[in-house]
Amino acid sequence: MKKWTFPEEFLHFVWRTKRFNLDGLRTTIGHPVQMLHFGQHNSDAGPDFLHARIHIDDTLWVGNVEIHIRASDWLVHQHHLDPAYDNVILHVVWEEDTPLQRANGERIPTLELEGRIAPSIWQVYQDLRYQTNWLACQFHFNEVESVVVQGWIERLMVERLEHKTQQLEPLLKDMQHDWETLLYQQIARGLGLVVNAEPMEQLARLAPIQLLWKYRDQPELVEAFLFGQAGMLERSFEDEYPRKLQDHYRFLQNKHRLTPMTGAAWKFSRLRPAAFPTVRIAQLAALVCHSPRWFSELIQSASEDTIRYFFQQLAPSWYWHVHYLFDKPAVPHPCQIGDDTIALITINALAPLTFLFGTLNGQSRYREQALALLERIPPESNRIIREWKGIGVQPASAGQSQALLHWRKTYCEPKRCLECAVGCAVLK
């Protein structure tokens, strides 16, 4: 292996996974080293591995480990000026090109890894890092034991939910922990699917759920509020129903000083009529009129059956059973929210919110409930999932398909092979 031609993260991987010769470890001045605990990998500022436990000579040291290619990198990175590095008990380097001392003059114990790493590990690492396929380990994938792959997918199911809750938590904080509002906005976003997710979420912000609930016994007012705020009542109509909604909205607009969004935000092209934003807004209005206890019914006491009942037993106003657009009659059709849309809302809104609720309140049963919801939904079908199936990975549930989406985006595409269980198995 040529000197200094590899990134520091490679040494991090070698240390974290103990992929080096552990026999007869000694510091660069000859003191025997016995590793009791290699430390916890630190992804934040400060030393690379925390809370290590190491015997050096006859003394037990408890502290942190710092890793560099060359010992002099300690000075280049100005660690000697940072008190956070005062508790480093072992400096692990590829080569000690200069001895280092603490502020009190003591020499920092240093361990060299040169000559202790098998060249084959470096070669496989390079193969993974510079592979142009989206799955760097594609040609080694089938060599990895299925138990490793399945265990990694199970872990990524949780990680995917944790990632989504990290995005939701700041929103909840901005709403002063108003769970009903957050749930309402996320359901609205889910109804919009990918194409109209942003406009639907914007509409939910402009039409607050607490205000809509004041009119839940008057469905026409709720529809008028939502369609008006969506910017869809700004033109002349032929049908009596949208004209009535216009009149209602003018009353509501004056009463609550409402400002609508632009109607140009909505997209209709390449959508099935059942997924038109007009239909989705009518369905959202029906949900508002159905119940004022969304969080209780969908999160705190939710099951697969209660969720389906909550969404499917509602019915938008008669107008939307014979229309997909204002002023354009259509053949009669059902207008309830379909199973596929309910599944997407559960995946992208209900499960993450349930997981977040359990996390923030220290109640593991809600975290388990979120995972169970995903496990009972069939796997998603899209281009990325089809590519996983092409290499033999067959997801059994939406939880697993979510894990595969997360795996590709978070680990495969940025080539984070050293942090992936399958990548580490290949490097063995």
Protein backbone atom coordinates (compact mmCIF):
# COMPACT_ATOMS: atom_id res chain seq x y z
CA MET A 1 0.00 0.00 0.00
CA LYS A 2 1.45 3.36 -0.97
CA LYS A 3 1.89 5.91 1.78
CA TRP A 4 -0.84 8.48 2.36
CA THR A 5 -2.87 7.63 -0.74
CA PHE A 6 -5.96 6.64 1.22
CA PRO A 7 -8.49 8.77 3.10
CA GLU A 8 -8.59 8.96 6.87
CA GLU A 9 -12.06 7.40 6.87
CA PHE A 10 -10.39 4.13 5.79
CA LEU A 11 -8.41 4.07 9.05
CA HIS A 12 -11.63 4.90 10.93
CA PHE A 13 -13.24 1.85 9.32
CA VAL A 14 -10.25 -0.37 10.11
CA TRP A 15 -10.27 0.75 13.74
CA ARG A 16 -14.04 0.52 14.17
CA THR A 17 -14.23 -2.98 12.69
CA LYS A 18 -10.88 -4.19 14.09
CA ARG A 19 -9.69 -5.15 10.58
CA PHE A 20 -6.01 -5.08 11.47
CA ASN A 21 -3.46 -7.33 13.14
CA LEU A 22 -4.08 -7.08 16.90
CA ASP A 23 -1.16 -9.26 17.97
CA GLY A 24 1.60 -7.69 20.05
CA LEU A 25 0.32 -4.11 19.95
CA ARG A 26 2.85 -1.58 21.25
CA THR A 27 3.16 2.17 21.25
CA THR A 28 5.88 3.72 19.12
CA ILE A 29 8.17 3.82 22.18
CA GLY A 30 7.59 0.16 23.00
CA HIS A 31 4.92 0.13 25.70
CA PRO A 32 2.52 -2.85 25.37
CA VAL A 33 -1.09 -1.97 24.46
CA GLN A 34 -4.13 -4.06 25.34
CA MET A 35 -7.45 -2.92 23.90
CA LEU A 36 -10.42 -3.45 26.22
CA HIS A 37 -12.85 -1.18 24.36
CA PHE A 38 -12.08 0.58 21.08
CA GLY A 39 -14.45 3.47 21.85
CA GLN A 40 -17.66 4.74 20.31
CA HIS A 41 -17.37 6.30 16.86
CA ASN A 42 -18.01 10.05 17.11
CA SER A 43 -19.64 11.70 14.08
CA ASP A 44 -19.67 15.15 15.72
CA ALA A 45 -16.88 17.57 16.59
CA GLY A 46 -14.11 16.31 18.84
CA PRO A 47 -11.98 13.14 18.99
CA ASP A 48 -12.87 10.32 16.60
CA PHE A 49 -13.69 7.60 19.17
CA LEU A 50 -15.04 8.28 22.65
CA HIS A 51 -14.95 6.40 25.95
CA ALA A 52 -12.25 3.90 25.01
CA ARG A 53 -10.67 1.65 27.67
CA ILE A 54 -7.03 0.73 27.09
CA HIS A 55 -4.22 -0.88 29.12
CA ILE A 56 -0.89 0.78 28.34
CA ASP A 57 1.89 -0.90 30.30
CA ASP A 58 0.24 -1.67 33.63
CA THR A 59 -2.06 1.35 33.66
CA LEU A 60 -5.74 1.36 32.67
CA TRP A 61 -6.64 4.45 30.68
CA VAL A 62 -10.20 5.60 30.01
CA GLY A 63 -10.69 8.34 27.44
CA ASN A 64 -10.73 9.11 23.75
CA VAL A 65 -8.89 7.94 20.63
CA GLU A 66 -7.87 10.20 17.75
CA ILE A 67 -6.95 8.87 14.30
CA HIS A 68 -4.80 10.44 11.58
CA ILE A 69 -2.81 9.32 8.55
CA ARG A 70 0.31 11.06 9.89
CA ALA A 71 1.00 12.07 13.46
CA SER A 72 1.77 15.62 12.32
CA ASP A 73 -1.86 15.99 11.21
CA TRP A 74 -2.57 16.58 14.92
CA LEU A 75 -0.73 19.90 14.59
CA VAL A 76 -2.14 20.68 11.14
CA HIS A 77 -5.66 20.35 12.56
CA GLN A 78 -4.62 22.43 15.60
CA HIS A 79 -5.74 19.82 18.11
CA HIS A 80 -2.94 20.99 20.41
CA LEU A 81 -4.90 24.24 20.85
CA ASP A 82 -8.24 22.55 21.51
CA PRO A 83 -9.07 21.46 25.11
CA ALA A 84 -11.47 18.85 23.69
CA TYR A 85 -8.41 16.75 22.81
CA ASP A 86 -6.80 16.86 26.26
CA ASN A 87 -8.45 13.54 27.12
CA VAL A 88 -7.00 11.62 24.14
CA ILE A 89 -5.36 8.52 25.60
CA LEU A 90 -4.15 7.02 22.30
CA HIS A 91 -3.22 8.55 18.97
CA VAL A 92 -3.67 6.00 16.17
CA VAL A 93 -1.79 6.79 12.95
CA TRP A 94 -0.57 5.15 9.79
CA GLU A 95 2.87 6.59 10.44
CA GLU A 96 4.34 8.61 13.28
CA ASP A 97 6.30 11.21 11.35
CA THR A 98 6.78 13.35 14.45
CA PRO A 99 6.41 12.70 18.20
CA LEU A 100 3.67 14.66 19.95
CA GLN A 101 3.49 16.01 23.48
CA ARG A 102 0.71 17.26 25.69
CA ALA A 103 0.75 20.78 27.11
CA ASN A 104 2.40 19.43 30.30
CA GLY A 105 5.26 17.89 28.31
CA GLU A 106 4.05 14.25 28.47
CA ARG A 107 4.34 12.28 25.25
CA ILE A 108 1.01 11.26 23.75
CA PRO A 109 0.90 7.44 23.41
CA THR A 110 0.89 6.63 19.69
CA LEU A 111 0.06 3.41 17.85
CA GLU A 112 1.16 2.88 14.24
CA LEU A 113 -1.00 0.76 11.91
CA GLU A 114 1.50 0.57 9.05
CA GLY A 115 2.17 -3.07 8.28
CA ARG A 116 -0.90 -4.24 10.24
CA ILE A 117 -3.58 -3.90 7.52
CA ALA A 118 -3.93 -6.56 4.84
CA PRO A 119 -3.52 -5.08 1.32
CA SER A 120 -6.62 -7.04 0.21
CA ILE A 121 -8.84 -4.93 2.49
CA TRP A 122 -7.53 -1.75 0.89
CA GLN A 123 -8.06 -3.19 -2.60
CA VAL A 124 -11.68 -4.17 -1.95
CA TYR A 125 -12.26 -0.77 -0.33
CA GLN A 126 -11.02 0.93 -3.51
CA ASP A 127 -13.24 -1.32 -5.65
CA LEU A 128 -16.26 -0.23 -3.62
CA ARG A 129 -15.37 3.44 -3.46
CA TYR A 130 -14.73 3.91 -7.17
CA GLN A 131 -17.42 1.59 -8.54
CA THR A 132 -19.65 3.52 -10.95
CA ASN A 133 -22.75 1.35 -10.40
CA TRP A 134 -25.28 2.76 -7.93
CA LEU A 135 -24.68 -0.40 -5.88
CA ALA A 136 -20.93 -0.46 -5.46
CA CYS A 137 -20.94 -4.01 -4.09
CA GLN A 138 -23.18 -5.34 -6.86
CA PHE A 139 -20.67 -7.97 -8.01
CA HIS A 140 -20.06 -9.14 -4.42
CA PHE A 141 -23.61 -8.79 -3.14
CA ASN A 142 -24.63 -12.42 -3.55
CA GLU A 143 -21.55 -13.50 -1.56
CA VAL A 144 -22.92 -11.84 1.59
CA GLU A 145 -24.93 -14.07 3.92
CA SER A 146 -28.67 -13.45 3.75
CA VAL A 147 -28.82 -13.01 7.53
CA VAL A 148 -26.50 -9.99 7.20
CA VAL A 149 -28.65 -8.44 4.46
CA GLN A 150 -31.89 -9.06 6.34
CA GLY A 151 -30.47 -7.75 9.60
CA TRP A 152 -29.29 -4.59 7.86
CA ILE A 153 -32.74 -4.06 6.29
CA GLU A 154 -34.36 -4.43 9.71
CA ARG A 155 -32.01 -1.81 11.12
CA LEU A 156 -32.67 0.55 8.20
CA MET A 157 -36.43 0.33 8.80
CA VAL A 158 -35.84 2.01 12.15
CA GLU A 159 -33.25 4.40 10.76
CA ARG A 160 -35.65 5.50 8.02
CA LEU A 161 -38.30 6.38 10.61
CA GLU A 162 -35.71 8.14 12.76
CA HIS A 163 -34.65 10.19 9.73
CA LYS A 164 -38.25 11.20 9.02
CA THR A 165 -38.90 12.13 12.65
CA GLN A 166 -35.81 14.35 12.62
CA GLN A 167 -37.48 16.29 9.82
CA LEU A 168 -40.82 16.45 11.65
CA GLU A 169 -39.54 17.44 15.09
CA PRO A 170 -38.57 21.05 14.15
CA LEU A 171 -42.01 21.48 12.55
CA LEU A 172 -43.67 20.29 15.75
CA LYS A 173 -41.56 22.70 17.79
CA ASP A 174 -42.54 25.61 15.53
CA MET A 175 -46.19 24.63 16.09
CA GLN A 176 -45.67 24.68 19.86
CA HIS A 177 -46.26 20.91 20.00
CA ASP A 178 -49.67 21.08 18.33
CA TRP A 179 -49.88 17.43 17.24
CA GLU A 180 -53.27 17.88 15.56
CA THR A 181 -51.95 20.60 13.25
CA LEU A 182 -48.84 18.63 12.33
CA LEU A 183 -50.92 15.53 11.59
CA TYR A 184 -53.37 17.57 9.49
CA GLN A 185 -50.58 19.13 7.43
CA GLN A 186 -48.86 15.80 6.86
CA ILE A 187 -52.10 14.09 5.79
CA ALA A 188 -52.80 16.96 3.41
CA ARG A 189 -49.30 16.53 2.00
CA GLY A 190 -49.89 12.81 1.59
CA LEU A 191 -53.15 13.38 -0.28
CA GLY A 192 -51.23 15.49 -2.79
CA LEU A 193 -48.95 12.58 -3.67
CA VAL A 194 -45.55 13.61 -5.04
CA VAL A 195 -46.88 16.01 -7.67
CA ASN A 196 -49.03 18.21 -5.41
CA ALA A 197 -47.49 17.48 -1.99
CA GLU A 198 -46.06 21.00 -1.56
CA PRO A 199 -49.23 22.87 -2.63
CA MET A 200 -51.38 20.67 -0.38
CA GLU A 201 -49.13 21.33 2.60
CA GLN A 202 -49.19 25.05 1.82
CA LEU A 203 -52.99 24.94 1.66
CA ALA A 204 -53.10 23.23 5.07
CA ARG A 205 -51.04 26.07 6.50
CA LEU A 206 -53.35 28.67 4.97
CA ALA A 207 -56.46 26.84 6.18
CA PRO A 208 -55.71 25.94 9.84
CA ILE A 209 -57.43 22.83 11.11
CA GLN A 210 -58.57 24.48 14.34
CA LEU A 211 -60.37 27.15 12.32
CA LEU A 212 -61.88 24.66 9.89
CA TRP A 213 -63.27 22.59 12.75
CA LYS A 214 -65.47 25.52 13.74
CA TYR A 215 -67.40 24.87 10.52
CA ARG A 216 -67.29 21.08 10.51
CA ASP A 217 -71.11 20.89 10.80
CA GLN A 218 -71.40 22.92 7.58
CA PRO A 219 -69.54 20.95 4.86
CA GLU A 220 -70.13 23.60 2.19
CA LEU A 221 -68.33 26.19 4.29
CA VAL A 222 -65.40 23.84 4.83
CA GLU A 223 -65.14 23.18 1.09
CA ALA A 224 -65.48 26.89 0.36
CA PHE A 225 -62.71 27.67 2.86
CA LEU A 226 -60.33 25.11 1.33
CA PHE A 227 -61.08 25.73 -2.35
CA GLY A 228 -60.97 29.46 -1.78
CA GLN A 229 -57.63 29.34 -0.03
CA ALA A 230 -56.37 27.05 -2.80
CA GLY A 231 -57.01 29.87 -5.27
CA MET A 232 -59.55 27.80 -7.20
CA LEU A 233 -62.54 30.13 -6.78
CA GLU A 234 -61.06 33.15 -8.52
CA ARG A 235 -62.94 32.83 -11.84
CA SER A 236 -66.53 32.78 -13.16
CA PHE A 237 -68.46 29.51 -13.03
CA GLU A 238 -71.45 28.05 -14.84
CA ASP A 239 -72.47 25.47 -12.23
CA GLU A 240 -74.49 26.59 -9.23
CA TYR A 241 -72.36 24.65 -6.74
CA PRO A 242 -69.02 26.45 -7.31
CA ARG A 243 -70.91 29.77 -7.39
CA LYS A 244 -72.29 28.96 -3.93
CA LEU A 245 -68.76 28.14 -2.76
CA GLN A 246 -67.60 31.50 -4.08
CA ASP A 247 -70.26 33.31 -2.06
CA HIS A 248 -69.34 31.35 1.08
CA TYR A 249 -65.65 32.08 0.56
CA ARG A 250 -66.21 35.82 0.20
CA PHE A 251 -67.99 35.76 3.56
CA LEU A 252 -65.18 33.72 5.17
CA GLN A 253 -62.49 35.83 3.51
CA ASN A 254 -63.90 39.03 4.98
CA LYS A 255 -64.53 37.49 8.38
CA HIS A 256 -61.08 35.91 8.81
CA ARG A 257 -59.04 38.20 6.54
CA LEU A 258 -57.94 35.31 4.37
CA THR A 259 -55.34 35.50 1.60
CA PRO A 260 -55.53 32.70 -0.99
CA MET A 261 -52.59 31.00 -2.66
CA THR A 262 -52.12 31.19 -6.41
CA GLY A 263 -54.10 28.68 -8.42
CA ALA A 264 -51.09 28.19 -10.71
CA ALA A 265 -49.40 26.13 -7.99
CA TRP A 266 -51.60 23.10 -8.75
CA LYS A 267 -50.64 20.43 -11.26
CA PHE A 268 -53.20 18.35 -13.18
CA SER A 269 -51.20 16.95 -16.10
CA ARG A 270 -50.28 13.26 -16.13
CA LEU A 271 -52.58 12.55 -13.19
CA ARG A 272 -55.52 10.19 -13.13
CA PRO A 273 -58.74 12.18 -12.62
CA ALA A 274 -59.19 10.54 -9.19
CA ALA A 275 -55.90 12.15 -8.12
CA PHE A 276 -56.72 15.65 -9.38
CA PRO A 277 -56.08 18.27 -6.67
CA THR A 278 -59.75 19.32 -6.85
CA VAL A 279 -60.77 15.80 -5.77
CA ARG A 280 -58.07 15.68 -3.08
CA ILE A 281 -59.22 19.00 -1.61
CA ALA A 282 -62.81 17.73 -1.52
CA GLN A 283 -61.60 14.60 0.28
CA LEU A 284 -59.64 16.72 2.77
CA ALA A 285 -62.80 18.73 3.44
CA ALA A 286 -64.73 15.51 4.12
CA LEU A 287 -62.02 14.42 6.58
CA VAL A 288 -62.30 17.73 8.42
CA CYS A 289 -66.06 17.27 8.77
CA HIS A 290 -65.71 13.64 9.85
CA SER A 291 -63.91 14.05 13.16
CA PRO A 292 -62.28 16.65 15.42
CA ARG A 293 -60.03 14.04 17.05
CA TRP A 294 -57.60 13.03 14.33
CA PHE A 295 -54.62 12.45 16.59
CA SER A 296 -56.55 10.27 19.03
CA GLU A 297 -58.07 8.12 16.28
CA LEU A 298 -55.07 7.83 13.96
CA ILE A 299 -52.10 7.82 16.34
CA GLN A 300 -52.98 7.05 19.95
CA SER A 301 -55.47 4.25 19.29
CA ALA A 302 -54.70 3.44 15.69
CA SER A 303 -54.69 0.05 14.01
CA GLU A 304 -54.78 -0.96 10.38
CA ASP A 305 -58.58 -1.36 10.55
CA THR A 306 -59.27 1.95 12.33
CA ILE A 307 -57.09 3.81 9.85
CA ARG A 308 -58.89 2.32 6.87
CA TYR A 309 -62.27 3.04 8.43
CA PHE A 310 -61.28 6.63 9.23
CA PHE A 311 -60.45 7.38 5.59
CA GLN A 312 -62.93 5.23 3.69
CA GLN A 313 -66.17 5.89 5.52
CA LEU A 314 -66.16 9.56 4.58
CA ALA A 315 -67.74 10.85 1.41
CA PRO A 316 -67.14 14.24 -0.24
CA SER A 317 -70.13 16.30 -1.31
CA TRP A 318 -72.39 14.97 -4.08
CA TYR A 319 -70.82 17.32 -6.63
CA TRP A 320 -67.55 15.38 -6.63
CA HIS A 321 -69.26 12.09 -7.39
CA VAL A 322 -70.15 13.44 -10.85
CA HIS A 323 -67.25 15.86 -11.39
CA TYR A 324 -63.47 15.85 -11.29
CA LEU A 325 -63.24 19.55 -12.16
CA PHE A 326 -65.54 22.52 -11.69
CA ASP A 327 -68.02 22.99 -14.56
CA LYS A 328 -67.02 19.71 -16.28
CA PRO A 329 -69.49 16.86 -15.68
CA ALA A 330 -68.17 13.29 -15.52
CA VAL A 331 -69.76 9.87 -15.34
CA PRO A 332 -70.73 8.93 -11.77
CA HIS A 333 -67.78 7.50 -9.84
CA PRO A 334 -66.81 6.65 -6.24
CA CYS A 335 -65.00 9.44 -4.49
CA GLN A 336 -63.61 7.78 -1.37
CA ILE A 337 -59.88 7.68 -0.70
CA GLY A 338 -58.45 4.46 -2.15
CA ASP A 339 -56.34 1.79 -0.46
CA ASP A 340 -53.16 2.84 -2.28
CA THR A 341 -53.48 6.43 -1.09
CA ILE A 342 -54.25 5.30 2.48
CA ALA A 343 -51.11 3.16 2.36
CA LEU A 344 -49.00 6.12 1.20
CA ILE A 345 -50.43 8.36 3.93
CA THR A 346 -49.70 5.68 6.51
CA ILE A 347 -46.12 5.28 5.25
CA ASN A 348 -45.29 8.97 4.95
CA ALA A 349 -47.41 10.57 7.68
CA LEU A 350 -48.99 8.24 10.24
CA ALA A 351 -46.07 5.89 10.89
CA PRO A 352 -43.45 8.69 11.23
CA LEU A 353 -45.71 10.72 13.52
CA THR A 354 -46.47 7.68 15.66
CA PHE A 355 -42.75 6.95 15.91
CA LEU A 356 -42.01 10.58 16.82
CA PHE A 357 -44.73 10.58 19.49
CA GLY A 358 -43.24 7.46 21.07
CA THR A 359 -39.72 8.86 20.91
CA LEU A 360 -40.54 12.24 22.48
CA ASN A 361 -42.70 10.68 25.20
CA GLY A 362 -40.42 7.75 25.96
CA GLN A 363 -43.12 5.20 25.07
CA SER A 364 -41.65 2.33 23.09
CA ARG A 365 -45.08 0.87 22.29
CA TYR A 366 -45.73 3.71 19.84
CA ARG A 367 -42.38 3.14 18.14
CA GLU A 368 -43.28 -0.54 17.84
CA GLN A 369 -46.76 0.39 16.60
CA ALA A 370 -45.23 2.52 13.83
CA LEU A 371 -43.04 -0.36 12.67
CA ALA A 372 -45.98 -2.78 12.86
CA LEU A 373 -48.08 -0.49 10.64
CA LEU A 374 -45.37 -0.54 7.98
CA GLU A 375 -44.96 -4.29 8.24
CA ARG A 376 -48.66 -4.85 7.46
CA ILE A 377 -48.64 -2.78 4.26
CA PRO A 378 -47.55 -4.40 0.97
CA PRO A 379 -44.20 -3.19 -0.40
CA GLU A 380 -44.10 -0.16 -2.66
CA SER A 381 -43.49 -0.56 -6.37
CA ASN A 382 -41.26 1.94 -8.14
CA ARG A 383 -38.11 2.04 -10.23
CA ILE A 384 -35.71 1.83 -7.29
CA ILE A 385 -37.52 -1.14 -5.73
CA ARG A 386 -37.51 -2.89 -9.11
CA GLU A 387 -33.74 -2.41 -9.30
CA TRP A 388 -33.35 -3.99 -5.85
CA LYS A 389 -35.49 -6.90 -6.99
CA GLY A 390 -33.20 -7.23 -10.00
CA ILE A 391 -30.32 -8.21 -7.71
CA GLY A 392 -32.46 -10.59 -5.69
CA VAL A 393 -33.72 -8.42 -2.82
CA GLN A 394 -37.46 -8.99 -2.46
CA PRO A 395 -39.10 -6.68 0.12
CA ALA A 396 -41.95 -8.31 2.00
CA SER A 397 -43.58 -5.13 3.31
CA ALA A 398 -43.67 -1.35 3.02
CA GLY A 399 -41.31 -1.23 5.98
CA GLN A 400 -38.73 -3.17 4.00
CA SER A 401 -39.27 -1.20 0.78
CA GLN A 402 -38.80 2.00 2.80
CA ALA A 403 -35.57 0.54 4.16
CA LEU A 404 -34.37 -0.17 0.60
CA LEU A 405 -35.14 3.39 -0.50
CA HIS A 406 -33.21 4.69 2.51
CA TRP A 407 -30.32 2.28 1.87
CA ARG A 408 -29.83 3.48 -1.68
CA LYS A 409 -30.18 7.22 -0.98
CA THR A 410 -28.25 7.36 2.28
CA TYR A 411 -25.54 4.75 1.81
CA CYS A 412 -25.22 3.53 -1.79
CA GLU A 413 -25.37 6.79 -3.73
CA PRO A 414 -22.90 8.70 -1.48
CA LYS A 415 -20.69 5.54 -1.37
CA ARG A 416 -20.86 5.18 2.44
CA CYS A 417 -19.84 1.53 2.10
CA LEU A 418 -17.73 1.58 5.26
CA GLU A 419 -20.80 2.42 7.33
CA CYS A 420 -22.97 -0.25 5.69
CA ALA A 421 -23.23 -3.74 7.15
CA VAL A 422 -23.17 -5.31 3.70
CA GLY A 423 -20.20 -3.17 2.62
CA CYS A 424 -18.32 -4.22 5.76
CA ALA A 425 -19.19 -7.88 5.07
CA VAL A 426 -17.76 -7.52 1.55
CA LEU A 427 -14.57 -6.05 3.01
CA LYS A 428 -14.04 -9.16 5.08
